[in-house]
Amino acid sequence: MGLHREASLRGFSVFEQENRRRLWWQILILDSRSAQLSGVAVNPDSYLFWDTRCPLNLNDSDLVPSMRELPAEYDGPTEMLFCRIRFEVGEYMRKLKALEHRHAEDSSAVRLAEESQLIDELETRLEERYLKKCDPSIPFHLLALYLGRSSVCQMRLSLHTRQWYSSRGSTLSAAEKDQVFSLGLEIIGYDNLAYSNKALQPYRWHVAMAFPFEALILVLTELLARFEGDLVRQAWERVNQLYADHPEIITAARTNTLVSALVSLTTRAWDKLSSVTQTSSHLLQHATEPASVAKLRSTRRDWRPSSPSAQVSPVLDEYLSPAAAAVAAVRDTGGDLVLSGTAEEPPVDISQIDWNYWQALIEGEGAPFQR
């Protein structure tokens, strides 16, 4: 169709050209998402086969079939706000992937510095061009604020976890652990905010499709070794709220191996906190078990495997390997890496999980937060 080449648009009207650009960039998002769901790695050189310009930051009403030229794009939010943020984030993700391959032989410190600089550049770009000019009283703008800032946090979190994995199990420094823990808390916090705001209820179908699995796993893993302070209290409050906002996760724990492992990690972290606080006068005292943990514990107690071969140990490092777990997840959900939702709650995408990280985590060796 020629949508992927800017030169192929010359034979169309200005109106048609811009609509075709919008269509192509939406196809890019859908294609990338489909690849992610299928476990297909993104080719860092994929941008070489297309050169269609990014659609302008315009309202729909600015585009009419009779127009002879496109108007100057707005400097601030438009009806394209949400799409433009996704386009910008996607573009920088491709740049990061290309950078990762280009500097594969460089030291991890050099790669981390350059990739961090690129993420900082994206954050500045999003803030200056869109987010600072959003009106939080407008639900659509508020959703865009959460999307943009959460995406930047997620990119930073993924960068640090990838750096750990590429170093073949070397431990993170205390400062890096603190940074990753804070990033995970911030990402979970954005999900909490999206669910707590009634004005964003019409958009929950989108929020639910981006459940912060990686952030939750990292926060819970760190909570196996953190037992005091405001951040720990805040972490358990946010984890509790996350489960409360996503009851489909608790339901899926009965049949989905990956989520069962997540449930085990959650209850393990709380049990560790409880055991430590009982023997120390300086840690969190009189910690009341969160409602979500009690519900998760009840779910695990009531769950009965359908066959001996399907049994799952309550200890995280005795769960199935990621390959087997992925097969189980696909089988349990009819072929897609999503958790089956209820009539009230849509399915949740679990394709964000880094299988290599999950493997190291469930094997219990060299986990990034291991003490």
Protein backbone atom coordinates (compact mmCIF):
# COMPACT_ATOMS: atom_id res chain seq x y z
CA MET A 1 0.00 0.00 0.00
CA GLY A 2 3.03 2.24 0.29
CA LEU A 3 2.12 3.49 3.75
CA HIS A 4 5.68 2.88 4.93
CA ARG A 5 7.32 5.27 2.44
CA GLU A 6 6.94 9.04 2.58
CA ALA A 7 7.64 9.32 -1.16
CA SER A 8 4.66 7.07 -1.96
CA LEU A 9 2.30 9.64 -0.41
CA ARG A 10 3.05 12.36 -2.96
CA GLY A 11 0.25 11.35 -5.28
CA PHE A 12 -2.40 11.93 -2.62
CA SER A 13 -4.03 15.07 -1.29
CA VAL A 14 -2.56 16.74 1.78
CA PHE A 15 -5.55 15.51 3.78
CA GLU A 16 -5.03 11.91 2.62
CA GLN A 17 -1.28 12.07 3.23
CA GLU A 18 -1.68 13.03 6.86
CA ASN A 19 -4.35 10.38 7.47
CA ARG A 20 -2.08 7.76 5.93
CA ARG A 21 0.74 8.85 8.24
CA ARG A 22 -1.62 8.44 11.20
CA LEU A 23 -2.60 5.00 9.95
CA TRP A 24 1.01 3.86 9.44
CA TRP A 25 2.16 4.94 12.89
CA GLN A 26 -0.82 3.20 14.47
CA ILE A 27 0.10 0.06 12.53
CA LEU A 28 3.61 0.32 13.99
CA ILE A 29 2.19 0.28 17.52
CA LEU A 30 -0.08 -2.69 16.80
CA ASP A 31 2.71 -4.59 15.04
CA SER A 32 5.17 -3.99 17.88
CA ARG A 33 2.58 -5.10 20.42
CA SER A 34 1.78 -8.24 18.43
CA ALA A 35 5.49 -9.06 18.21
CA GLN A 36 5.82 -8.59 21.96
CA LEU A 37 2.85 -10.88 22.63
CA SER A 38 4.38 -13.48 20.31
CA GLY A 39 7.82 -13.29 21.92
CA VAL A 40 9.44 -11.92 18.76
CA ALA A 41 12.46 -9.68 19.36
CA VAL A 42 12.37 -6.18 17.88
CA ASN A 43 14.87 -5.78 15.05
CA PRO A 44 16.94 -2.67 15.85
CA ASP A 45 17.33 -2.01 12.12
CA SER A 46 13.60 -2.21 11.39
CA TYR A 47 13.40 1.58 11.01
CA LEU A 48 15.53 1.31 7.84
CA PHE A 49 12.70 -0.10 5.75
CA TRP A 50 10.28 2.77 6.40
CA ASP A 51 10.58 6.54 6.50
CA THR A 52 7.01 7.81 6.84
CA ARG A 53 7.04 11.02 8.88
CA CYS A 54 5.35 11.14 12.27
CA PRO A 55 1.84 12.65 12.11
CA LEU A 56 1.59 16.27 13.19
CA ASN A 57 0.26 17.34 16.56
CA LEU A 58 -3.11 18.54 15.22
CA ASN A 59 -6.78 18.24 16.16
CA ASP A 60 -9.04 16.25 13.85
CA SER A 61 -10.93 19.43 12.99
CA ASP A 62 -7.72 20.92 11.55
CA LEU A 63 -7.80 18.37 8.75
CA VAL A 64 -10.31 18.85 5.90
CA PRO A 65 -10.36 17.19 2.47
CA SER A 66 -10.21 20.52 0.60
CA MET A 67 -7.05 21.79 2.33
CA ARG A 68 -4.03 22.64 0.16
CA GLU A 69 -1.41 22.56 2.90
CA LEU A 70 -1.12 21.41 6.48
CA PRO A 71 -1.35 24.00 9.27
CA ALA A 72 1.49 24.49 11.73
CA GLU A 73 1.24 21.93 14.51
CA TYR A 74 0.32 22.97 18.03
CA ASP A 75 2.84 23.36 20.82
CA GLY A 76 0.88 21.59 23.53
CA PRO A 77 -1.98 19.11 24.00
CA THR A 78 -4.32 18.30 21.11
CA GLU A 79 -6.63 15.41 20.32
CA MET A 80 -3.43 13.64 19.18
CA LEU A 81 -1.90 13.99 22.66
CA PHE A 82 -2.19 10.35 23.69
CA CYS A 83 -1.06 9.06 20.29
CA ARG A 84 1.86 11.46 20.09
CA ILE A 85 3.17 10.38 23.49
CA ARG A 86 2.97 6.74 22.43
CA PHE A 87 4.71 7.56 19.15
CA GLU A 88 7.49 9.44 20.96
CA VAL A 89 8.00 6.65 23.50
CA GLY A 90 8.03 4.02 20.73
CA GLU A 91 10.59 6.01 18.74
CA TYR A 92 12.93 6.23 21.72
CA MET A 93 12.49 2.54 22.49
CA ARG A 94 13.72 1.81 18.97
CA LYS A 95 16.65 4.17 19.52
CA LEU A 96 17.52 2.38 22.76
CA LYS A 97 17.40 -0.99 21.04
CA ALA A 98 19.67 0.25 18.26
CA LEU A 99 22.04 1.74 20.84
CA GLU A 100 22.11 -1.52 22.77
CA HIS A 101 23.22 -3.46 19.68
CA ARG A 102 25.63 -0.79 18.48
CA HIS A 103 27.50 -0.75 21.79
CA ALA A 104 27.28 -4.45 22.56
CA GLU A 105 31.06 -4.64 23.02
CA ASP A 106 31.34 -1.57 25.24
CA SER A 107 31.50 -1.75 29.02
CA SER A 108 28.19 -1.86 30.86
CA ALA A 109 28.96 1.52 32.45
CA VAL A 110 29.39 3.18 29.05
CA ARG A 111 26.17 1.67 27.70
CA LEU A 112 24.24 2.55 30.85
CA ALA A 113 25.41 6.18 30.71
CA GLU A 114 24.50 6.61 27.05
CA GLU A 115 21.14 4.88 27.34
CA SER A 116 20.31 6.83 30.50
CA GLN A 117 21.08 10.04 28.64
CA LEU A 118 18.69 9.02 25.88
CA ILE A 119 15.91 8.35 28.41
CA ASP A 120 16.60 11.73 30.03
CA GLU A 121 16.25 13.31 26.59
CA LEU A 122 12.87 11.62 26.10
CA GLU A 123 11.68 12.75 29.53
CA THR A 124 12.63 16.38 28.79
CA ARG A 125 10.98 16.21 25.38
CA LEU A 126 7.70 14.83 26.75
CA GLU A 127 7.59 17.27 29.65
CA GLU A 128 8.37 20.37 27.58
CA ARG A 129 6.21 19.55 24.56
CA TYR A 130 3.18 17.97 26.19
CA LEU A 131 3.00 17.13 29.89
CA LYS A 132 3.74 20.51 31.47
CA LYS A 133 0.98 22.00 29.33
CA CYS A 134 -1.65 19.42 30.27
CA ASP A 135 -4.60 20.33 32.48
CA PRO A 136 -4.98 17.58 35.12
CA SER A 137 -8.66 18.52 35.54
CA ILE A 138 -9.26 17.10 32.03
CA PRO A 139 -9.36 13.26 32.31
CA PHE A 140 -7.80 12.76 28.87
CA HIS A 141 -4.88 15.02 29.85
CA LEU A 142 -4.49 13.30 33.22
CA LEU A 143 -4.31 9.89 31.54
CA ALA A 144 -1.61 11.26 29.22
CA LEU A 145 0.34 12.58 32.22
CA TYR A 146 0.29 9.16 33.86
CA LEU A 147 1.17 7.41 30.60
CA GLY A 148 4.13 9.65 29.77
CA ARG A 149 5.71 9.69 33.21
CA SER A 150 5.07 6.02 33.91
CA SER A 151 6.59 5.08 30.53
CA VAL A 152 9.80 6.95 31.35
CA CYS A 153 9.99 5.19 34.74
CA GLN A 154 9.39 1.82 33.07
CA MET A 155 12.18 2.45 30.56
CA ARG A 156 14.60 3.34 33.35
CA LEU A 157 13.56 0.28 35.36
CA SER A 158 14.01 -2.03 32.36
CA LEU A 159 17.41 -0.49 31.69
CA HIS A 160 18.68 -1.29 35.18
CA THR A 161 17.27 -4.82 35.27
CA ARG A 162 18.75 -5.56 31.84
CA GLN A 163 22.11 -4.23 33.00
CA TRP A 164 21.96 -6.62 35.94
CA TYR A 165 21.09 -9.60 33.78
CA SER A 166 23.73 -8.83 31.14
CA SER A 167 26.35 -8.79 33.91
CA ARG A 168 25.56 -12.46 34.56
CA GLY A 169 24.39 -12.15 38.11
CA SER A 170 26.66 -9.52 39.59
CA THR A 171 24.87 -7.80 42.44
CA LEU A 172 23.59 -4.26 42.31
CA SER A 173 25.04 -1.59 44.58
CA ALA A 174 22.97 -0.24 47.46
CA ALA A 175 22.33 2.97 45.51
CA GLU A 176 21.14 1.00 42.46
CA LYS A 177 18.84 -1.11 44.63
CA ASP A 178 17.35 2.03 46.12
CA GLN A 179 16.85 3.55 42.68
CA VAL A 180 15.18 0.44 41.23
CA PHE A 181 12.99 0.08 44.33
CA SER A 182 11.89 3.72 44.02
CA LEU A 183 11.20 3.35 40.28
CA GLY A 184 9.10 0.25 40.91
CA LEU A 185 7.12 2.07 43.59
CA GLU A 186 6.54 5.01 41.27
CA ILE A 187 5.24 2.79 38.46
CA ILE A 188 2.86 0.97 40.82
CA GLY A 189 1.83 4.37 42.17
CA TYR A 190 0.73 5.54 38.72
CA ASP A 191 -1.47 2.45 38.39
CA ASN A 192 -2.94 3.18 41.84
CA LEU A 193 -3.65 6.78 40.81
CA ALA A 194 -5.32 5.74 37.55
CA TYR A 195 -7.70 3.44 39.42
CA SER A 196 -8.42 5.81 42.30
CA ASN A 197 -9.59 8.62 40.00
CA LYS A 198 -13.22 8.06 39.02
CA ALA A 199 -12.84 10.42 36.07
CA LEU A 200 -10.46 7.90 34.49
CA GLN A 201 -12.87 4.97 34.77
CA PRO A 202 -13.71 5.07 31.01
CA TYR A 203 -10.00 4.48 30.31
CA ARG A 204 -9.48 1.55 32.67
CA TRP A 205 -9.60 -0.91 29.78
CA HIS A 206 -6.30 0.59 28.63
CA VAL A 207 -4.75 0.84 32.10
CA ALA A 208 -5.63 -2.80 32.85
CA MET A 209 -3.76 -3.96 29.75
CA ALA A 210 -0.52 -2.56 31.18
CA PHE A 211 -0.39 -4.28 34.57
CA PRO A 212 3.07 -3.45 36.07
CA PHE A 213 4.35 -7.00 36.49
CA GLU A 214 8.05 -6.17 36.31
CA ALA A 215 7.74 -3.33 38.81
CA LEU A 216 5.70 -5.48 41.20
CA ILE A 217 8.16 -8.39 41.04
CA LEU A 218 11.13 -6.10 41.73
CA VAL A 219 9.40 -4.31 44.61
CA LEU A 220 8.31 -7.59 46.23
CA THR A 221 11.79 -9.08 45.81
CA GLU A 222 13.29 -6.08 47.56
CA LEU A 223 10.68 -6.36 50.31
CA LEU A 224 12.21 -9.74 51.16
CA ALA A 225 15.08 -7.72 52.64
CA ARG A 226 13.49 -4.37 53.64
CA PHE A 227 11.57 -4.27 56.89
CA GLU A 228 11.46 -0.68 58.15
CA GLY A 229 10.96 2.92 57.12
CA ASP A 230 8.37 4.99 55.31
CA LEU A 231 9.22 3.48 51.92
CA VAL A 232 8.43 -0.01 53.18
CA ARG A 233 5.08 1.16 54.58
CA GLN A 234 4.36 2.93 51.31
CA ALA A 235 5.36 -0.13 49.30
CA TRP A 236 2.94 -2.43 51.14
CA GLU A 237 0.16 0.14 50.84
CA ARG A 238 0.67 0.36 47.09
CA VAL A 239 1.00 -3.39 46.61
CA ASN A 240 -2.20 -3.92 48.60
CA GLN A 241 -4.00 -1.31 46.50
CA LEU A 242 -2.69 -2.82 43.27
CA TYR A 243 -4.18 -6.21 44.10
CA ALA A 244 -7.42 -4.56 45.23
CA ASP A 245 -7.69 -2.74 41.89
CA HIS A 246 -6.93 -5.91 39.90
CA PRO A 247 -9.02 -8.73 41.42
CA GLU A 248 -8.59 -10.67 38.19
CA ILE A 249 -4.96 -11.26 39.20
CA ILE A 250 -6.01 -13.08 42.36
CA THR A 251 -8.54 -15.12 40.40
CA ALA A 252 -5.94 -16.05 37.77
CA ALA A 253 -3.60 -17.38 40.47
CA ARG A 254 -5.75 -20.51 40.64
CA THR A 255 -4.88 -21.58 37.11
CA ASN A 256 -1.97 -19.51 35.81
CA THR A 257 1.48 -20.70 36.84
CA LEU A 258 3.15 -17.32 36.48
CA VAL A 259 0.60 -15.56 38.63
CA SER A 260 0.78 -18.38 41.19
CA ALA A 261 4.49 -17.65 41.48
CA LEU A 262 3.71 -13.97 41.95
CA VAL A 263 1.24 -14.83 44.72
CA SER A 264 3.90 -16.95 46.40
CA LEU A 265 6.41 -14.11 46.22
CA THR A 266 3.91 -11.69 47.78
CA THR A 267 2.99 -13.90 50.73
CA ARG A 268 6.65 -14.83 51.25
CA ALA A 269 7.64 -11.17 51.47
CA TRP A 270 4.94 -10.44 54.04
CA ASP A 271 5.79 -13.55 56.08
CA LYS A 272 9.42 -12.45 56.14
CA LEU A 273 8.41 -9.02 57.42
CA SER A 274 6.16 -10.52 60.06
CA SER A 275 8.84 -12.90 61.33
CA VAL A 276 11.45 -10.15 61.56
CA THR A 277 9.20 -7.61 63.29
CA GLN A 278 8.37 -10.13 66.01
CA THR A 279 12.02 -10.33 67.04
CA SER A 280 13.08 -6.69 66.72
CA SER A 281 12.03 -3.56 68.58
CA HIS A 282 13.39 -1.22 65.93
CA LEU A 283 11.45 -2.39 62.90
CA LEU A 284 7.82 -1.95 61.85
CA GLN A 285 5.73 -2.88 64.86
CA HIS A 286 2.22 -4.28 64.98
CA ALA A 287 2.18 -4.68 61.20
CA THR A 288 -1.34 -5.68 60.20
CA GLU A 289 -1.53 -8.09 57.30
CA PRO A 290 -2.92 -6.25 54.25
CA ALA A 291 -6.32 -7.41 53.03
CA SER A 292 -4.86 -8.43 49.67
CA VAL A 293 -2.22 -10.66 51.30
CA ALA A 294 -4.90 -12.38 53.39
CA LYS A 295 -6.93 -12.95 50.22
CA LEU A 296 -3.90 -14.27 48.34
CA ARG A 297 -3.12 -16.61 51.19
CA SER A 298 -6.70 -17.86 51.17
CA THR A 299 -6.53 -18.39 47.42
CA ARG A 300 -3.39 -20.48 47.74
CA ARG A 301 -4.92 -22.50 50.57
CA ASP A 302 -8.09 -23.24 48.58
CA TRP A 303 -6.31 -24.03 45.33
CA ARG A 304 -5.99 -27.71 44.50
CA PRO A 305 -3.96 -28.95 41.50
CA SER A 306 -5.91 -31.02 39.03
CA SER A 307 -3.20 -33.67 38.83
CA PRO A 308 0.04 -34.61 40.67
CA SER A 309 2.12 -33.46 37.70
CA ALA A 310 0.52 -30.04 37.91
CA GLN A 311 1.40 -29.48 41.55
CA VAL A 312 3.09 -26.23 42.39
CA SER A 313 5.26 -25.83 45.47
CA PRO A 314 4.56 -22.85 47.73
CA VAL A 315 8.24 -21.93 47.45
CA LEU A 316 8.95 -19.62 44.54
CA ASP A 317 12.15 -21.27 43.37
CA GLU A 318 10.35 -24.61 42.90
CA TYR A 319 8.03 -23.28 40.20
CA LEU A 320 8.17 -24.26 36.57
CA SER A 321 10.80 -22.82 34.25
CA PRO A 322 9.72 -19.79 32.18
CA ALA A 323 9.42 -21.92 29.04
CA ALA A 324 7.07 -24.38 30.70
CA ALA A 325 5.26 -21.57 32.48
CA ALA A 326 4.78 -19.71 29.22
CA VAL A 327 3.29 -22.83 27.63
CA ALA A 328 0.99 -23.22 30.63
CA ALA A 329 -0.02 -19.57 30.42
CA VAL A 330 -0.82 -19.86 26.72
CA ARG A 331 -2.79 -23.05 27.31
CA ASP A 332 -4.73 -21.52 30.16
CA THR A 333 -5.70 -18.45 28.16
CA GLY A 334 -6.55 -20.02 24.83
CA GLY A 335 -3.33 -19.12 23.05
CA ASP A 336 -2.68 -15.53 24.11
CA LEU A 337 -0.34 -14.31 26.83
CA VAL A 338 -3.13 -12.58 28.73
CA LEU A 339 -5.04 -13.32 31.89
CA SER A 340 -8.71 -14.00 31.42
CA GLY A 341 -10.76 -11.09 32.75
CA THR A 342 -14.24 -10.86 34.16
CA ALA A 343 -17.19 -8.93 32.81
CA GLU A 344 -16.11 -5.99 34.97
CA GLU A 345 -12.37 -6.29 34.43
CA PRO A 346 -10.69 -6.73 31.01
CA PRO A 347 -7.85 -9.19 30.38
CA VAL A 348 -4.39 -8.23 31.58
CA ASP A 349 -1.35 -8.49 29.35
CA ILE A 350 1.60 -10.33 30.91
CA SER A 351 3.91 -9.95 27.91
CA GLN A 352 5.95 -7.32 29.76
CA ILE A 353 7.72 -9.99 31.79
CA ASP A 354 11.38 -10.38 30.93
CA TRP A 355 11.67 -14.18 30.73
CA ASN A 356 15.42 -14.15 31.44
CA TYR A 357 14.88 -12.09 34.57
CA TRP A 358 12.00 -14.33 35.66
CA GLN A 359 14.20 -17.39 35.14
CA ALA A 360 16.92 -15.98 37.40
CA LEU A 361 14.35 -14.93 39.96
CA ILE A 362 12.57 -18.28 40.29
CA GLU A 363 15.86 -20.17 40.29
CA GLY A 364 16.80 -18.11 43.33
CA GLU A 365 20.38 -17.59 42.17
CA GLY A 366 21.92 -14.18 41.59
CA ALA A 367 18.69 -12.26 41.97
CA PRO A 368 19.45 -8.56 41.75
CA PHE A 369 18.23 -7.79 45.25
CA GLN A 370 19.56 -10.89 46.91
CA ARG A 371 21.33 -10.26 50.23
